[in-house]
Amino acid sequence: MSKKLAEIAVGDFVLRWFGGIPKPMRLKVTQLTADRIICGAWEFDRQSGAEIDEDLGWGPSGVTGSFLEPESGPDPEEDFRSGALHRLAALLDAGKIQRNRGESIAEALRRRLNRMTEEQVRRMLYEMESGEPS
């Protein structure tokens, strides 16, 4: 079930729909106020989802150029990437992933993950965390 605009939290993803354009823009909520949802440089009414732009006269009680709606369901790819990065950071901290002298954390992770499939990453993480082959 999809969230309502009033239930949106910072970090959630929303869809910005433009009139006449069939594919929405995916935005991340960066800030909330009592009456607005803010996604980077764009502001929207928290009740109606209408884009607010005072310079253009856009808002919930008149004309607007776009509107928001909650994204329906989580993005499984984003969930996988986020979870994998947290697990890799913990393994790096524990010394199970080696960094070369002068190499950044990002470079070490990129070197390790380059050209791996999602299944290979899952298997590697399991083996490194458990200490046993999968």
N, C-alpha and C. Protein backbone atom coordinates (compact mmCIF):
# COMPACT_ATOMS: atom_id res chain seq x y z
N MET A 1 0.85 -1.19 0.00
CA MET A 1 0.00 0.00 0.00
C MET A 1 0.88 1.24 0.00
N SER A 2 0.50 2.20 -0.76
CA SER A 2 1.25 3.43 -0.91
C SER A 2 1.00 4.38 0.25
N LYS A 3 2.02 5.14 0.60
CA LYS A 3 1.89 6.15 1.65
C LYS A 3 1.04 7.31 1.14
N LYS A 4 0.51 8.08 2.08
CA LYS A 4 -0.16 9.33 1.75
C LYS A 4 0.87 10.45 1.88
N LEU A 5 0.63 11.58 1.23
CA LEU A 5 1.58 12.70 1.30
C LEU A 5 1.87 13.11 2.74
N ALA A 6 0.86 13.08 3.60
CA ALA A 6 1.05 13.49 5.00
C ALA A 6 1.98 12.53 5.75
N GLU A 7 2.16 11.31 5.23
CA GLU A 7 3.01 10.31 5.89
C GLU A 7 4.44 10.29 5.36
N ILE A 8 4.72 11.10 4.35
CA ILE A 8 6.05 11.13 3.73
C ILE A 8 7.07 11.60 4.78
N ALA A 9 8.26 10.97 4.74
CA ALA A 9 9.34 11.32 5.65
C ALA A 9 10.57 11.73 4.84
N VAL A 10 11.47 12.46 5.49
CA VAL A 10 12.74 12.82 4.85
C VAL A 10 13.45 11.53 4.46
N GLY A 11 13.97 11.49 3.24
CA GLY A 11 14.64 10.30 2.73
C GLY A 11 13.75 9.44 1.84
N ASP A 12 12.43 9.62 1.93
CA ASP A 12 11.51 8.87 1.06
C ASP A 12 11.65 9.37 -0.38
N PHE A 13 11.24 8.53 -1.31
CA PHE A 13 11.20 8.93 -2.71
C PHE A 13 9.77 9.21 -3.11
N VAL A 14 9.60 10.23 -3.93
CA VAL A 14 8.29 10.63 -4.43
C VAL A 14 8.39 10.77 -5.95
N LEU A 15 7.24 10.81 -6.61
CA LEU A 15 7.19 10.98 -8.05
C LEU A 15 6.64 12.35 -8.39
N ARG A 16 7.36 13.09 -9.21
CA ARG A 16 6.94 14.42 -9.65
C ARG A 16 6.38 14.28 -11.06
N TRP A 17 5.09 14.57 -11.20
CA TRP A 17 4.40 14.47 -12.49
C TRP A 17 4.25 15.85 -13.11
N PHE A 18 4.59 15.96 -14.40
CA PHE A 18 4.43 17.19 -15.17
C PHE A 18 3.24 17.02 -16.10
N GLY A 19 2.52 18.09 -16.35
CA GLY A 19 1.40 18.02 -17.28
C GLY A 19 1.86 17.63 -18.67
N GLY A 20 1.23 16.61 -19.27
CA GLY A 20 1.53 16.21 -20.63
C GLY A 20 2.75 15.32 -20.80
N ILE A 21 3.47 15.01 -19.71
CA ILE A 21 4.65 14.14 -19.81
C ILE A 21 4.31 12.83 -19.12
N PRO A 22 4.40 11.70 -19.87
CA PRO A 22 3.92 10.42 -19.33
C PRO A 22 4.81 9.77 -18.27
N LYS A 23 6.08 10.17 -18.17
CA LYS A 23 6.98 9.52 -17.21
C LYS A 23 7.35 10.52 -16.11
N PRO A 24 7.15 10.13 -14.82
CA PRO A 24 7.45 11.07 -13.74
C PRO A 24 8.94 11.15 -13.43
N MET A 25 9.31 12.20 -12.73
CA MET A 25 10.67 12.37 -12.25
C MET A 25 10.70 11.86 -10.80
N ARG A 26 11.67 11.02 -10.48
CA ARG A 26 11.80 10.47 -9.13
C ARG A 26 12.66 11.43 -8.31
N LEU A 27 12.13 11.90 -7.18
CA LEU A 27 12.83 12.83 -6.32
C LEU A 27 12.93 12.27 -4.91
N LYS A 28 13.98 12.67 -4.20
CA LYS A 28 14.15 12.29 -2.81
C LYS A 28 13.74 13.46 -1.91
N VAL A 29 12.96 13.18 -0.88
CA VAL A 29 12.52 14.21 0.05
C VAL A 29 13.71 14.60 0.93
N THR A 30 14.05 15.90 0.91
CA THR A 30 15.21 16.37 1.67
C THR A 30 14.83 17.13 2.93
N GLN A 31 13.60 17.64 2.98
CA GLN A 31 13.17 18.42 4.14
C GLN A 31 11.65 18.46 4.17
N LEU A 32 11.11 18.58 5.37
CA LEU A 32 9.66 18.74 5.56
C LEU A 32 9.40 19.92 6.47
N THR A 33 8.32 20.64 6.18
CA THR A 33 7.82 21.65 7.10
C THR A 33 6.36 21.29 7.38
N ALA A 34 5.69 22.08 8.17
CA ALA A 34 4.30 21.79 8.50
C ALA A 34 3.41 21.75 7.26
N ASP A 35 3.75 22.58 6.25
CA ASP A 35 2.89 22.65 5.06
C ASP A 35 3.59 22.34 3.74
N ARG A 36 4.89 21.97 3.78
CA ARG A 36 5.61 21.72 2.53
C ARG A 36 6.45 20.45 2.55
N ILE A 37 6.59 19.86 1.37
CA ILE A 37 7.52 18.77 1.12
C ILE A 37 8.59 19.37 0.22
N ILE A 38 9.83 19.27 0.64
CA ILE A 38 10.93 19.88 -0.10
C ILE A 38 11.83 18.77 -0.65
N CYS A 39 12.09 18.86 -1.93
CA CYS A 39 12.93 17.89 -2.63
C CYS A 39 14.03 18.68 -3.33
N GLY A 40 15.14 18.90 -2.64
CA GLY A 40 16.21 19.71 -3.21
C GLY A 40 15.72 21.14 -3.41
N ALA A 41 15.72 21.60 -4.67
CA ALA A 41 15.33 22.97 -4.98
C ALA A 41 13.82 23.15 -5.18
N TRP A 42 13.06 22.05 -5.17
CA TRP A 42 11.63 22.13 -5.44
C TRP A 42 10.83 22.01 -4.16
N GLU A 43 9.73 22.77 -4.10
CA GLU A 43 8.83 22.73 -2.95
C GLU A 43 7.42 22.39 -3.43
N PHE A 44 6.74 21.58 -2.59
CA PHE A 44 5.40 21.11 -2.92
C PHE A 44 4.51 21.23 -1.70
N ASP A 45 3.22 21.43 -1.95
CA ASP A 45 2.24 21.50 -0.88
C ASP A 45 2.08 20.12 -0.24
N ARG A 46 2.09 20.10 1.09
CA ARG A 46 2.06 18.82 1.80
C ARG A 46 0.69 18.14 1.72
N GLN A 47 -0.38 18.89 1.49
CA GLN A 47 -1.71 18.27 1.39
C GLN A 47 -2.06 17.85 -0.02
N SER A 48 -1.86 18.75 -0.98
CA SER A 48 -2.29 18.45 -2.36
C SER A 48 -1.18 17.90 -3.24
N GLY A 49 0.07 18.17 -2.89
CA GLY A 49 1.20 17.76 -3.72
C GLY A 49 1.52 18.75 -4.83
N ALA A 50 0.80 19.86 -4.91
CA ALA A 50 1.03 20.86 -5.95
C ALA A 50 2.38 21.54 -5.76
N GLU A 51 3.09 21.76 -6.88
CA GLU A 51 4.37 22.46 -6.82
C GLU A 51 4.13 23.92 -6.42
N ILE A 52 5.00 24.43 -5.56
CA ILE A 52 4.93 25.82 -5.11
C ILE A 52 6.12 26.57 -5.68
N ASP A 53 5.83 27.63 -6.42
CA ASP A 53 6.87 28.50 -6.95
C ASP A 53 6.30 29.91 -6.95
N GLU A 54 6.66 30.67 -5.90
CA GLU A 54 6.11 32.02 -5.75
C GLU A 54 6.44 32.91 -6.94
N ASP A 55 7.63 32.76 -7.53
CA ASP A 55 8.02 33.59 -8.67
C ASP A 55 7.10 33.39 -9.87
N LEU A 56 6.58 32.18 -10.03
CA LEU A 56 5.69 31.88 -11.15
C LEU A 56 4.21 31.95 -10.77
N GLY A 57 3.95 32.16 -9.49
CA GLY A 57 2.56 32.20 -9.03
C GLY A 57 1.95 30.81 -8.88
N TRP A 58 2.78 29.79 -8.79
CA TRP A 58 2.28 28.42 -8.65
C TRP A 58 2.05 28.08 -7.20
N GLY A 59 1.00 27.32 -6.95
CA GLY A 59 0.71 26.88 -5.60
C GLY A 59 -0.56 26.07 -5.54
N PRO A 60 -0.92 25.62 -4.35
CA PRO A 60 -2.07 24.72 -4.20
C PRO A 60 -3.41 25.37 -4.50
N SER A 61 -3.50 26.69 -4.40
CA SER A 61 -4.81 27.33 -4.62
C SER A 61 -4.96 27.92 -6.01
N GLY A 62 -4.03 27.61 -6.90
CA GLY A 62 -4.12 28.16 -8.25
C GLY A 62 -3.49 27.24 -9.25
N VAL A 63 -2.73 27.83 -10.16
CA VAL A 63 -2.06 27.09 -11.22
C VAL A 63 -0.77 26.47 -10.67
N THR A 64 -0.42 25.30 -11.17
CA THR A 64 0.85 24.67 -10.80
C THR A 64 1.43 23.96 -12.01
N GLY A 65 2.75 23.78 -12.02
CA GLY A 65 3.40 23.13 -13.16
C GLY A 65 3.57 21.64 -13.00
N SER A 66 3.56 21.19 -11.76
CA SER A 66 3.72 19.76 -11.51
C SER A 66 3.13 19.42 -10.15
N PHE A 67 3.02 18.14 -9.88
CA PHE A 67 2.55 17.72 -8.56
C PHE A 67 3.24 16.44 -8.15
N LEU A 68 3.26 16.18 -6.85
CA LEU A 68 3.88 14.99 -6.29
C LEU A 68 2.86 13.94 -5.93
N GLU A 69 3.34 12.71 -5.96
CA GLU A 69 2.58 11.63 -5.34
C GLU A 69 3.61 10.69 -4.72
N PRO A 70 3.24 9.99 -3.65
CA PRO A 70 4.18 9.05 -3.04
C PRO A 70 4.55 7.94 -4.02
N GLU A 71 5.78 7.50 -3.95
CA GLU A 71 6.20 6.37 -4.77
C GLU A 71 5.57 5.11 -4.20
N SER A 72 5.10 4.24 -5.07
CA SER A 72 4.45 3.02 -4.58
C SER A 72 5.48 1.92 -4.39
N GLY A 73 5.80 1.64 -3.16
CA GLY A 73 6.71 0.55 -2.82
C GLY A 73 8.16 0.94 -2.87
N PRO A 74 9.00 0.12 -2.24
CA PRO A 74 10.43 0.40 -2.20
C PRO A 74 11.11 0.03 -3.51
N ASP A 75 12.25 0.63 -3.74
CA ASP A 75 13.07 0.31 -4.90
C ASP A 75 14.01 -0.81 -4.50
N PRO A 76 13.79 -2.05 -4.99
CA PRO A 76 14.62 -3.16 -4.55
C PRO A 76 16.10 -2.99 -4.89
N GLU A 77 16.41 -2.35 -6.01
CA GLU A 77 17.82 -2.12 -6.34
C GLU A 77 18.47 -1.17 -5.35
N GLU A 78 17.76 -0.12 -4.97
CA GLU A 78 18.30 0.83 -3.99
C GLU A 78 18.47 0.15 -2.64
N ASP A 79 17.50 -0.67 -2.24
CA ASP A 79 17.61 -1.40 -0.97
C ASP A 79 18.82 -2.32 -0.98
N PHE A 80 19.04 -3.02 -2.12
CA PHE A 80 20.19 -3.92 -2.21
C PHE A 80 21.49 -3.14 -2.12
N ARG A 81 21.62 -2.06 -2.90
CA ARG A 81 22.85 -1.26 -2.90
C ARG A 81 23.14 -0.69 -1.52
N SER A 82 22.13 -0.15 -0.89
CA SER A 82 22.30 0.44 0.44
C SER A 82 22.73 -0.61 1.45
N GLY A 83 22.05 -1.75 1.45
CA GLY A 83 22.41 -2.83 2.37
C GLY A 83 23.81 -3.36 2.12
N ALA A 84 24.16 -3.52 0.85
CA ALA A 84 25.49 -4.04 0.50
C ALA A 84 26.57 -3.06 0.94
N LEU A 85 26.34 -1.77 0.75
CA LEU A 85 27.34 -0.78 1.16
C LEU A 85 27.54 -0.76 2.67
N HIS A 86 26.46 -0.90 3.44
CA HIS A 86 26.58 -0.95 4.89
C HIS A 86 27.37 -2.18 5.32
N ARG A 87 27.08 -3.31 4.69
CA ARG A 87 27.79 -4.54 5.03
C ARG A 87 29.26 -4.45 4.64
N LEU A 88 29.54 -3.87 3.47
CA LEU A 88 30.94 -3.72 3.04
C LEU A 88 31.70 -2.77 3.96
N ALA A 89 31.07 -1.70 4.39
CA ALA A 89 31.74 -0.77 5.31
C ALA A 89 32.09 -1.46 6.62
N ALA A 90 31.20 -2.30 7.12
CA ALA A 90 31.48 -3.04 8.36
C ALA A 90 32.64 -4.01 8.15
N LEU A 91 32.69 -4.67 7.00
CA LEU A 91 33.79 -5.59 6.70
C LEU A 91 35.11 -4.85 6.54
N LEU A 92 35.06 -3.65 5.96
CA LEU A 92 36.25 -2.83 5.81
C LEU A 92 36.77 -2.42 7.19
N ASP A 93 35.86 -2.00 8.07
CA ASP A 93 36.23 -1.63 9.44
C ASP A 93 36.85 -2.80 10.19
N ALA A 94 36.35 -4.00 9.92
CA ALA A 94 36.85 -5.19 10.62
C ALA A 94 38.15 -5.72 10.00
N GLY A 95 38.62 -5.08 8.93
CA GLY A 95 39.87 -5.50 8.30
C GLY A 95 39.72 -6.68 7.36
N LYS A 96 38.50 -7.06 7.02
CA LYS A 96 38.29 -8.20 6.12
C LYS A 96 38.38 -7.81 4.65
N ILE A 97 38.36 -6.52 4.36
CA ILE A 97 38.63 -6.02 3.02
C ILE A 97 39.85 -5.12 3.16
N GLN A 98 40.89 -5.44 2.42
CA GLN A 98 42.15 -4.70 2.53
C GLN A 98 42.13 -3.47 1.62
N ARG A 99 42.72 -2.39 2.12
CA ARG A 99 42.92 -1.18 1.32
C ARG A 99 44.39 -1.05 1.01
N ASN A 100 44.69 -0.66 -0.21
CA ASN A 100 46.07 -0.37 -0.58
C ASN A 100 46.49 0.96 0.03
N ARG A 101 47.76 1.13 0.24
CA ARG A 101 48.28 2.38 0.82
C ARG A 101 47.83 3.57 -0.04
N GLY A 102 47.24 4.56 0.60
CA GLY A 102 46.78 5.76 -0.09
C GLY A 102 45.46 5.61 -0.82
N GLU A 103 44.85 4.43 -0.76
CA GLU A 103 43.60 4.17 -1.47
C GLU A 103 42.42 4.60 -0.61
N SER A 104 41.46 5.29 -1.21
CA SER A 104 40.27 5.70 -0.47
C SER A 104 39.37 4.49 -0.24
N ILE A 105 38.45 4.64 0.69
CA ILE A 105 37.47 3.57 0.95
C ILE A 105 36.68 3.27 -0.32
N ALA A 106 36.24 4.32 -1.00
CA ALA A 106 35.46 4.13 -2.23
C ALA A 106 36.27 3.38 -3.28
N GLU A 107 37.56 3.71 -3.42
CA GLU A 107 38.39 3.01 -4.40
C GLU A 107 38.56 1.54 -4.04
N ALA A 108 38.72 1.26 -2.74
CA ALA A 108 38.87 -0.13 -2.29
C ALA A 108 37.61 -0.93 -2.59
N LEU A 109 36.46 -0.34 -2.30
CA LEU A 109 35.19 -1.03 -2.56
C LEU A 109 34.97 -1.20 -4.05
N ARG A 110 35.25 -0.16 -4.83
CA ARG A 110 35.07 -0.23 -6.28
C ARG A 110 35.97 -1.31 -6.87
N ARG A 111 37.23 -1.38 -6.42
CA ARG A 111 38.17 -2.39 -6.90
C ARG A 111 37.62 -3.79 -6.62
N ARG A 112 37.06 -3.96 -5.43
CA ARG A 112 36.55 -5.27 -5.02
C ARG A 112 35.28 -5.65 -5.79
N LEU A 113 34.41 -4.68 -6.05
CA LEU A 113 33.10 -4.97 -6.63
C LEU A 113 33.05 -4.86 -8.15
N ASN A 114 34.10 -4.34 -8.76
CA ASN A 114 34.09 -4.09 -10.19
C ASN A 114 33.71 -5.35 -10.98
N ARG A 115 32.70 -5.21 -11.81
CA ARG A 115 32.22 -6.28 -12.71
C ARG A 115 31.62 -7.49 -11.99
N MET A 116 31.16 -7.34 -10.75
CA MET A 116 30.51 -8.46 -10.05
C MET A 116 29.01 -8.36 -10.24
N THR A 117 28.34 -9.50 -10.33
CA THR A 117 26.89 -9.52 -10.40
C THR A 117 26.33 -9.40 -8.98
N GLU A 118 25.03 -9.14 -8.87
CA GLU A 118 24.39 -9.05 -7.57
C GLU A 118 24.55 -10.36 -6.79
N GLU A 119 24.41 -11.49 -7.47
CA GLU A 119 24.56 -12.78 -6.80
C GLU A 119 25.99 -12.99 -6.31
N GLN A 120 26.96 -12.59 -7.09
CA GLN A 120 28.36 -12.71 -6.67
C GLN A 120 28.63 -11.83 -5.44
N VAL A 121 28.04 -10.65 -5.42
CA VAL A 121 28.21 -9.75 -4.26
C VAL A 121 27.58 -10.39 -3.03
N ARG A 122 26.38 -10.94 -3.16
CA ARG A 122 25.72 -11.60 -2.02
C ARG A 122 26.59 -12.75 -1.49
N ARG A 123 27.11 -13.57 -2.41
CA ARG A 123 27.93 -14.71 -2.01
C ARG A 123 29.21 -14.24 -1.31
N MET A 124 29.87 -13.23 -1.87
CA MET A 124 31.09 -12.70 -1.28
C MET A 124 30.83 -12.16 0.13
N LEU A 125 29.75 -11.40 0.28
CA LEU A 125 29.42 -10.84 1.59
C LEU A 125 29.15 -11.95 2.60
N TYR A 126 28.40 -12.97 2.19
CA TYR A 126 28.10 -14.09 3.08
C TYR A 126 29.39 -14.77 3.54
N GLU A 127 30.27 -15.06 2.59
CA GLU A 127 31.52 -15.74 2.92
C GLU A 127 32.40 -14.89 3.84
N MET A 128 32.45 -13.60 3.58
CA MET A 128 33.31 -12.73 4.41
C MET A 128 32.73 -12.55 5.81
N GLU A 129 31.41 -12.46 5.90
CA GLU A 129 30.78 -12.25 7.22
C GLU A 129 30.78 -13.52 8.04
N SER A 130 30.54 -14.66 7.41
CA SER A 130 30.40 -15.91 8.17
C SER A 130 31.73 -16.65 8.33
N GLY A 131 32.66 -16.37 7.43
CA GLY A 131 33.92 -17.08 7.49
C GLY A 131 33.87 -18.46 6.86
N GLU A 132 32.76 -18.80 6.24
CA GLU A 132 32.61 -20.11 5.60
C GLU A 132 32.18 -19.94 4.16
N PRO A 133 32.57 -20.86 3.29
CA PRO A 133 32.16 -20.75 1.88
C PRO A 133 30.67 -20.98 1.71
N SER A 134 30.11 -20.34 0.69
CA SER A 134 28.66 -20.48 0.46
C SER A 134 28.34 -21.71 -0.33
